Amino acid sequence: MIERPAAGENAVLVQLDFGDGDFAERLEEFRLLATSAGARPVATIYGRRGRPDSATFAGKGKVEEIMLAATAAGADLVMFNHELSPAQQRNLERACELRVVDRSSLILDIFALRAKSHEGKLQVELAQLEHLMTRLVRGWTHLERQKGGIGLRGPGEKQLETDRRLLGKRVALLKDRLKQLERQRGVRRKARSRSEVLSVSLVGYTNAGKSTLFNALTKAGAYVANQLFATLDTTSRRLYVPTCEMSDGRSGCQIVLSDTVGFIRDLPHALVAAFHATLEETAHADLLLHVVDAASPDREQQMAAVARVLDEIGAAGVPQIVVMNKLDLTGLAPGLERGECDNIARVRVSARTGAGIDLLRAALAEMSRKLAAPIEHEI
């Protein structure tokens, strides 16, 4: 895992308002992203624009403001809560004479910081390389062609072309390895379906409390922190749910509960593509527990962001129960809400205190009975 300096790097945060709404919530999320990456915000620059500037995204006057703030605060880098084009990033770095990191690069960096498993590291490296290939020119502007000479003369390939070719080979190798792991995952998934084990995946916005809920249900001891993307590698545990009739007469059933990576708005497409094998587990689950931070004022937008990612990975049609978490921060009581056809729609819990966990277990038992019938018929 990547190490970060204990003191962190001083960062100037930049967020512009293009009239999209929820500006304050996005800015607070951006601050948490920066600190999760090990940065120390020393100044925040914001303002309104009708549309991004084609050359520097922020415009000449705002770039000068960023330069002055960075100099006064002794900043090491500038972070934008926006997607920058390679040309915009290059122009900003020349103007500010500092490293410039956009939102996608920041999220990729946090994923690299969190990756622990072999598969997770491969997925992050693939996403980083595919993101880097569009920005290679930044690193090689000082080189025109490889040096010639006795024993060194060749076709005169540019250093940029050589590097892109080598990166292309590495990307192909990573994709091949991830396909092998995806096939292994598919074999395990078929084995679970044959043994009548229901698959349940925890999904939700990052920092919604999925890992805390996972621990409350399974006593697994998964890593928990008040950080964005504290969980990156998928963890699965078997969970026994009582009062669920099995085909062999037992009054209970086994569930495989999986804690997955959290989603976030404007998730880089390179990450979605690289984590396809992991996210595919969610698409093939029998049931999704959509964990929501009930105390967040931005929860509706967060739920919409999760729905968009689920649709992108083909999991929009999987049965779902919304779990309103963090009731201890809202003052609401635990409860269970039903929707159409008396189906369970929402369960209100506090994973930290354990309030409402018994209701969630009962909901899992009820859904298991409904979902087990067609599975047994198919077998």
Protein backbone atom coordinates (compact mmCIF):
# COMPACT_ATOMS: atom_id res chain seq x y z
CA MET A 1 0.00 0.00 0.00
CA ILE A 2 1.20 3.50 -0.82
CA GLU A 3 2.70 5.49 2.06
CA ARG A 4 1.93 9.17 2.54
CA PRO A 5 4.10 11.72 4.35
CA ALA A 6 2.88 12.12 7.94
CA ALA A 7 2.59 15.90 7.55
CA GLY A 8 0.70 15.67 4.23
CA GLU A 9 0.93 18.04 1.27
CA ASN A 10 -0.48 21.57 1.36
CA ALA A 11 -3.23 21.86 -1.24
CA VAL A 12 -5.29 24.69 -2.71
CA LEU A 13 -8.81 23.43 -3.43
CA VAL A 14 -10.67 24.85 -6.44
CA GLN A 15 -14.37 24.42 -7.13
CA LEU A 16 -16.40 26.50 -9.56
CA ASP A 17 -20.18 26.85 -9.59
CA PHE A 18 -21.77 26.28 -12.99
CA GLY A 19 -25.30 26.48 -11.60
CA ASP A 20 -25.72 22.74 -10.99
CA GLY A 21 -26.92 23.18 -7.38
CA ASP A 22 -25.79 21.44 -4.14
CA PHE A 23 -22.57 23.50 -4.27
CA ALA A 24 -21.92 23.36 -0.51
CA GLU A 25 -22.36 19.56 -0.31
CA ARG A 26 -20.03 19.01 -3.26
CA LEU A 27 -17.40 21.29 -1.69
CA GLU A 28 -17.57 19.43 1.64
CA GLU A 29 -17.24 16.11 -0.18
CA PHE A 30 -14.24 17.51 -2.08
CA ARG A 31 -12.54 18.47 1.20
CA LEU A 32 -13.07 14.94 2.51
CA LEU A 33 -11.65 13.50 -0.72
CA ALA A 34 -8.55 15.68 -0.36
CA THR A 35 -7.93 14.71 3.27
CA SER A 36 -8.58 11.03 2.43
CA ALA A 37 -5.73 11.28 -0.08
CA GLY A 38 -3.42 12.68 2.61
CA ALA A 39 -3.57 16.35 1.58
CA ARG A 40 -3.92 19.29 3.95
CA PRO A 41 -6.25 21.98 2.50
CA VAL A 42 -4.72 25.41 3.13
CA ALA A 43 -6.93 27.55 0.88
CA THR A 44 -10.20 27.21 -1.04
CA ILE A 45 -10.94 29.08 -4.27
CA TYR A 46 -14.46 29.19 -5.66
CA GLY A 47 -16.56 31.31 -7.97
CA ARG A 48 -19.33 31.26 -10.58
CA ARG A 49 -18.93 30.73 -14.32
CA GLY A 50 -21.31 30.17 -17.17
CA ARG A 51 -19.07 27.51 -18.74
CA PRO A 52 -15.47 26.26 -18.39
CA ASP A 53 -12.66 28.18 -20.08
CA SER A 54 -11.26 26.09 -22.93
CA ALA A 55 -7.62 26.87 -22.07
CA THR A 56 -7.45 26.90 -18.27
CA PHE A 57 -10.97 25.82 -17.20
CA ALA A 58 -11.08 28.60 -14.57
CA GLY A 59 -10.27 31.67 -16.67
CA LYS A 60 -7.33 34.08 -16.54
CA GLY A 61 -8.47 36.10 -13.51
CA LYS A 62 -9.28 33.02 -11.42
CA VAL A 63 -5.94 31.42 -12.31
CA GLU A 64 -4.15 34.52 -11.00
CA GLU A 65 -6.19 34.25 -7.79
CA ILE A 66 -5.16 30.60 -7.46
CA MET A 67 -1.48 31.53 -7.98
CA LEU A 68 -1.61 34.22 -5.27
CA ALA A 69 -3.37 31.92 -2.80
CA ALA A 70 -0.91 29.10 -3.47
CA THR A 71 2.10 31.37 -2.94
CA ALA A 72 0.68 32.90 0.25
CA ALA A 73 -0.19 29.51 1.76
CA GLY A 74 2.98 27.72 0.65
CA ALA A 75 0.98 25.15 -1.30
CA ASP A 76 2.54 22.06 -2.86
CA LEU A 77 -0.24 21.39 -5.36
CA VAL A 78 -3.60 22.60 -6.68
CA MET A 79 -6.67 20.34 -6.69
CA PHE A 80 -9.71 20.87 -8.94
CA ASN A 81 -13.06 19.30 -8.12
CA HIS A 82 -13.68 19.02 -11.84
CA GLU A 83 -12.56 16.91 -14.79
CA LEU A 84 -9.73 18.69 -16.63
CA SER A 85 -8.63 18.01 -20.19
CA PRO A 86 -4.92 17.22 -20.71
CA ALA A 87 -4.41 20.67 -22.30
CA GLN A 88 -6.16 22.49 -19.43
CA GLN A 89 -4.09 20.61 -16.87
CA ARG A 90 -0.88 21.37 -18.73
CA ASN A 91 -1.72 25.09 -19.05
CA LEU A 92 -2.62 25.35 -15.38
CA GLU A 93 0.63 23.70 -14.29
CA ARG A 94 2.63 26.11 -16.44
CA ALA A 95 0.79 29.13 -15.04
CA CYS A 96 0.86 28.06 -11.37
CA GLU A 97 4.26 26.30 -11.51
CA LEU A 98 2.71 23.63 -9.29
CA ARG A 99 1.27 20.18 -9.76
CA VAL A 100 -2.42 20.27 -10.71
CA VAL A 101 -4.68 17.32 -9.84
CA ASP A 102 -8.23 17.00 -11.16
CA ARG A 103 -11.11 15.04 -9.60
CA SER A 104 -10.52 11.83 -11.56
CA SER A 105 -6.79 11.77 -10.72
CA LEU A 106 -7.62 12.40 -7.05
CA ILE A 107 -10.08 9.50 -6.87
CA LEU A 108 -7.61 7.22 -8.68
CA ASP A 109 -4.93 8.21 -6.16
CA ILE A 110 -7.20 7.32 -3.22
CA PHE A 111 -7.97 3.96 -4.81
CA ALA A 112 -4.22 3.31 -5.19
CA LEU A 113 -3.78 4.24 -1.54
CA ARG A 114 -6.49 1.81 -0.38
CA ALA A 115 -5.85 -1.21 -2.63
CA LYS A 116 -4.59 -4.21 -0.65
CA SER A 117 -5.60 -7.36 -2.52
CA HIS A 118 -3.82 -8.56 -5.65
CA GLU A 119 -6.94 -8.06 -7.77
CA GLY A 120 -7.58 -4.61 -6.32
CA LYS A 121 -4.04 -3.48 -7.13
CA LEU A 122 -4.35 -4.79 -10.70
CA GLN A 123 -7.65 -2.96 -11.19
CA VAL A 124 -6.28 0.33 -9.86
CA GLU A 125 -3.12 0.09 -11.96
CA LEU A 126 -5.18 -0.53 -15.10
CA ALA A 127 -7.37 2.50 -14.40
CA GLN A 128 -4.35 4.69 -13.69
CA LEU A 129 -2.51 3.63 -16.86
CA GLU A 130 -5.55 4.21 -19.09
CA HIS A 131 -5.97 7.65 -17.50
CA LEU A 132 -2.25 8.38 -17.90
CA MET A 133 -2.12 7.45 -21.58
CA THR A 134 -4.17 10.55 -22.46
CA ARG A 135 -1.70 12.75 -20.57
CA LEU A 136 1.65 11.27 -21.60
CA VAL A 137 2.78 14.39 -23.43
CA ARG A 138 3.11 16.24 -20.12
CA GLY A 139 5.97 14.01 -19.01
CA TRP A 140 8.02 13.99 -22.20
CA THR A 141 8.02 17.55 -23.53
CA HIS A 142 11.78 17.79 -22.85
CA LEU A 143 12.57 14.84 -25.18
CA GLU A 144 12.27 14.92 -28.94
CA ARG A 145 13.90 11.73 -30.16
CA GLN A 146 16.06 9.02 -28.70
CA LYS A 147 19.76 9.76 -28.93
CA GLY A 148 21.52 8.23 -31.88
CA GLY A 149 25.14 7.09 -32.12
CA ILE A 150 27.16 3.97 -32.78
CA GLY A 151 25.14 0.96 -31.76
CA LEU A 152 22.16 3.15 -30.88
CA ARG A 153 20.86 4.14 -34.29
CA GLY A 154 17.35 2.96 -35.03
CA PRO A 155 14.09 3.98 -36.61
CA GLY A 156 14.08 7.25 -34.69
CA GLU A 157 10.98 6.48 -32.63
CA LYS A 158 9.96 9.35 -30.41
CA GLN A 159 10.24 8.76 -26.67
CA LEU A 160 6.53 9.50 -26.37
CA GLU A 161 5.70 6.78 -28.90
CA THR A 162 7.98 4.29 -27.13
CA ASP A 163 6.37 5.00 -23.79
CA ARG A 164 2.85 4.73 -25.18
CA ARG A 165 3.71 1.39 -26.80
CA LEU A 166 5.13 0.02 -23.53
CA LEU A 167 2.10 1.24 -21.61
CA GLY A 168 -0.16 -0.41 -24.17
CA LYS A 169 1.57 -3.76 -23.57
CA ARG A 170 1.17 -3.38 -19.80
CA VAL A 171 -2.53 -2.50 -20.18
CA ALA A 172 -3.11 -5.60 -22.33
CA LEU A 173 -1.33 -7.78 -19.74
CA LEU A 174 -3.41 -6.36 -16.88
CA LYS A 175 -6.66 -6.90 -18.79
CA ASP A 176 -5.70 -10.52 -19.46
CA ARG A 177 -4.96 -11.17 -15.78
CA LEU A 178 -8.22 -9.55 -14.69
CA LYS A 179 -10.16 -11.70 -17.18
CA GLN A 180 -8.65 -14.81 -15.57
CA LEU A 181 -9.76 -13.61 -12.13
CA GLU A 182 -13.21 -12.83 -13.55
CA ARG A 183 -13.54 -16.41 -14.83
CA GLN A 184 -12.57 -17.76 -11.38
CA ARG A 185 -15.17 -15.51 -9.80
CA GLY A 186 -17.79 -16.86 -12.20
CA VAL A 187 -16.98 -20.46 -11.19
CA ARG A 188 -17.42 -19.59 -7.50
CA ARG A 189 -20.70 -17.84 -8.30
CA LYS A 190 -22.08 -20.94 -10.07
CA ALA A 191 -21.02 -23.11 -7.11
CA ARG A 192 -22.98 -20.86 -4.74
CA SER A 193 -26.11 -21.05 -6.90
CA ARG A 194 -25.94 -24.86 -6.97
CA SER A 195 -25.70 -25.00 -3.17
CA GLU A 196 -28.77 -22.74 -2.75
CA VAL A 197 -26.72 -19.97 -1.13
CA LEU A 198 -28.29 -16.56 -1.70
CA SER A 199 -25.94 -13.73 -2.62
CA VAL A 200 -26.54 -10.31 -1.01
CA SER A 201 -24.37 -7.27 -1.80
CA LEU A 202 -24.06 -4.06 0.19
CA VAL A 203 -24.02 -1.06 -2.13
CA GLY A 204 -24.22 2.64 -1.50
CA TYR A 205 -22.49 5.98 -1.58
CA THR A 206 -18.98 6.07 -0.15
CA ASN A 207 -18.87 6.66 3.63
CA ALA A 208 -22.54 5.68 4.07
CA GLY A 209 -21.58 3.10 6.71
CA LYS A 210 -21.57 -0.11 4.63
CA SER A 211 -18.56 -1.64 6.40
CA THR A 212 -19.97 -0.79 9.84
CA LEU A 213 -23.24 -2.49 8.86
CA PHE A 214 -21.30 -5.44 7.41
CA ASN A 215 -19.52 -5.87 10.76
CA ALA A 216 -22.77 -5.52 12.71
CA LEU A 217 -24.36 -8.35 10.68
CA THR A 218 -21.39 -10.71 10.37
CA LYS A 219 -18.96 -9.76 13.19
CA ALA A 220 -16.28 -9.77 10.48
CA GLY A 221 -14.11 -6.92 11.82
CA ALA A 222 -13.76 -5.23 8.42
CA TYR A 223 -11.81 -1.97 8.36
CA VAL A 224 -13.97 1.04 9.24
CA ALA A 225 -12.97 4.72 9.06
CA ASN A 226 -14.61 8.10 8.53
CA GLN A 227 -12.98 8.37 5.12
CA LEU A 228 -14.11 8.19 1.52
CA PHE A 229 -13.35 4.79 -0.03
CA ALA A 230 -12.13 3.27 3.26
CA THR A 231 -13.23 -0.07 1.73
CA LEU A 232 -11.90 -0.90 -1.71
CA ASP A 233 -11.46 -4.67 -1.85
CA THR A 234 -14.65 -6.74 -1.78
CA THR A 235 -15.07 -8.81 1.41
CA SER A 236 -17.58 -11.68 1.65
CA ARG A 237 -18.83 -13.60 4.69
CA ARG A 238 -21.48 -16.26 5.24
CA LEU A 239 -24.44 -15.13 7.28
CA TYR A 240 -26.98 -17.49 8.84
CA VAL A 241 -30.56 -16.18 8.77
CA PRO A 242 -33.04 -18.09 11.00
CA THR A 243 -36.75 -18.76 10.33
CA CYS A 244 -36.11 -19.29 6.63
CA GLU A 245 -37.45 -22.68 5.41
CA MET A 246 -35.02 -24.63 3.23
CA SER A 247 -35.82 -27.38 0.72
CA ASP A 248 -34.38 -29.99 3.09
CA GLY A 249 -36.63 -28.90 5.99
CA ARG A 250 -34.08 -26.88 7.98
CA SER A 251 -35.43 -23.68 9.56
CA GLY A 252 -32.65 -21.40 8.42
CA CYS A 253 -30.62 -20.44 5.38
CA GLN A 254 -27.12 -19.37 4.44
CA ILE A 255 -26.50 -16.01 2.82
CA VAL A 256 -23.24 -14.77 1.34
CA LEU A 257 -23.02 -11.09 2.28
CA SER A 258 -20.51 -8.97 0.33
CA ASP A 259 -19.17 -5.54 1.30
CA THR A 260 -18.29 -3.68 -1.90
CA VAL A 261 -16.54 -0.47 -2.87
CA GLY A 262 -18.59 2.68 -2.35
CA PHE A 263 -19.85 4.76 -5.27
CA ILE A 264 -19.51 8.49 -5.75
CA ARG A 265 -20.91 11.05 -8.18
CA ASP A 266 -18.88 11.55 -11.36
CA LEU A 267 -17.03 8.27 -10.80
CA PRO A 268 -14.23 8.08 -13.42
CA HIS A 269 -15.20 5.78 -16.30
CA ALA A 270 -11.73 4.24 -16.21
CA LEU A 271 -12.46 3.01 -12.69
CA VAL A 272 -15.84 1.56 -13.64
CA ALA A 273 -14.21 -0.29 -16.54
CA ALA A 274 -11.24 -1.53 -14.49
CA PHE A 275 -13.45 -2.71 -11.62
CA HIS A 276 -15.85 -4.46 -13.99
CA ALA A 277 -15.09 -7.93 -12.58
CA THR A 278 -15.68 -6.80 -9.00
CA LEU A 279 -18.77 -4.76 -9.80
CA GLU A 280 -20.15 -7.68 -11.81
CA GLU A 281 -20.64 -9.49 -8.48
CA THR A 282 -23.18 -6.80 -7.63
CA ALA A 283 -25.00 -7.29 -10.94
CA HIS A 284 -25.26 -11.07 -10.30
CA ALA A 285 -26.39 -10.75 -6.66
CA ASP A 286 -29.84 -12.03 -5.65
CA LEU A 287 -30.49 -8.97 -3.46
CA LEU A 288 -28.93 -5.54 -2.93
CA LEU A 289 -28.89 -3.69 0.38
CA HIS A 290 -28.64 -0.03 -0.65
CA VAL A 291 -27.09 1.66 2.39
CA VAL A 292 -27.91 5.37 2.69
CA ASP A 293 -26.52 7.96 5.12
CA ALA A 294 -29.83 9.13 6.60
CA ALA A 295 -28.08 12.06 8.33
CA SER A 296 -26.68 13.53 5.11
CA PRO A 297 -28.55 16.54 3.69
CA ASP A 298 -27.35 15.38 0.26
CA ARG A 299 -28.78 11.85 0.56
CA GLU A 300 -31.24 12.13 -2.36
CA GLN A 301 -28.46 13.15 -4.76
CA GLN A 302 -26.25 10.39 -3.36
CA MET A 303 -28.97 7.80 -3.92
CA ALA A 304 -29.38 9.06 -7.50
CA ALA A 305 -25.60 8.75 -8.07
CA VAL A 306 -25.69 5.13 -6.83
CA ALA A 307 -28.66 4.38 -9.10
CA ARG A 308 -26.72 5.70 -12.11
CA VAL A 309 -23.72 3.47 -11.38
CA LEU A 310 -25.97 0.42 -10.81
CA ASP A 311 -27.59 1.08 -14.17
CA GLU A 312 -24.15 1.42 -15.82
CA ILE A 313 -22.99 -1.98 -14.51
CA GLY A 314 -26.27 -3.75 -15.34
CA ALA A 315 -27.53 -4.10 -11.76
CA ALA A 316 -30.56 -1.80 -11.97
CA GLY A 317 -32.98 -4.75 -12.11
CA VAL A 318 -31.67 -6.60 -9.03
CA PRO A 319 -34.17 -6.63 -6.09
CA GLN A 320 -33.23 -3.98 -3.57
CA ILE A 321 -33.89 -2.95 0.03
CA VAL A 322 -32.95 0.59 1.05
CA VAL A 323 -31.23 0.67 4.44
CA MET A 324 -31.42 4.13 6.04
CA ASN A 325 -28.31 4.08 8.26
CA LYS A 326 -26.91 6.41 10.96
CA LEU A 327 -30.21 6.88 12.80
CA ASP A 328 -28.20 7.77 15.91
CA LEU A 329 -27.35 11.06 14.18
CA THR A 330 -30.94 11.84 13.19
CA GLY A 331 -32.98 11.06 16.31
CA LEU A 332 -35.37 8.83 14.30
CA ALA A 333 -36.53 5.47 15.62
CA PRO A 334 -35.70 2.15 13.94
CA GLY A 335 -38.44 0.86 11.68
CA LEU A 336 -39.46 -1.07 8.59
CA GLU A 337 -41.42 0.42 5.68
CA ARG A 338 -43.32 -1.52 3.05
CA GLY A 339 -44.17 -0.54 -0.49
CA GLU A 340 -46.25 -2.06 -3.28
CA CYS A 341 -47.57 -5.63 -2.82
CA ASP A 342 -46.50 -5.45 0.83
CA ASN A 343 -42.84 -5.82 -0.20
CA ILE A 344 -40.15 -4.43 2.11
CA ALA A 345 -38.95 -1.07 0.79
CA ARG A 346 -36.87 0.48 3.58
CA VAL A 347 -35.35 -0.46 6.92
CA ARG A 348 -34.15 2.22 9.34
CA VAL A 349 -31.11 1.19 11.41
CA SER A 350 -28.02 2.45 13.18
CA ALA A 351 -25.13 0.14 12.38
CA ARG A 352 -22.95 1.86 14.99
CA THR A 353 -25.31 1.32 17.94
CA GLY A 354 -27.01 -1.83 16.64
CA ALA A 355 -30.51 -0.30 16.72
CA GLY A 356 -32.77 -1.89 14.10
CA ILE A 357 -30.32 -4.66 13.13
CA ASP A 358 -32.88 -7.25 14.26
CA LEU A 359 -35.39 -5.69 11.85
CA LEU A 360 -32.86 -5.93 9.02
CA ARG A 361 -32.21 -9.60 9.81
CA ALA A 362 -35.96 -10.24 9.72
CA ALA A 363 -36.16 -8.43 6.37
CA LEU A 364 -33.35 -10.60 5.01
CA ALA A 365 -35.17 -13.73 6.19
CA GLU A 366 -38.40 -12.63 4.51
CA MET A 367 -36.66 -11.74 1.25
CA SER A 368 -34.72 -15.02 1.36
CA ARG A 369 -37.97 -16.99 1.48
CA LYS A 370 -39.31 -15.11 -1.52
CA LEU A 371 -36.09 -15.37 -3.53
CA ALA A 372 -35.31 -19.00 -2.60
CA ALA A 373 -38.48 -20.41 -4.18
CA PRO A 374 -37.59 -19.64 -7.85
CA ILE A 375 -33.97 -20.68 -7.23
CA GLU A 376 -35.04 -24.10 -5.87
CA HIS A 377 -37.47 -24.53 -8.79
CA GLU A 378 -34.67 -23.78 -11.28
CA ILE A 379 -32.32 -26.25 -9.58
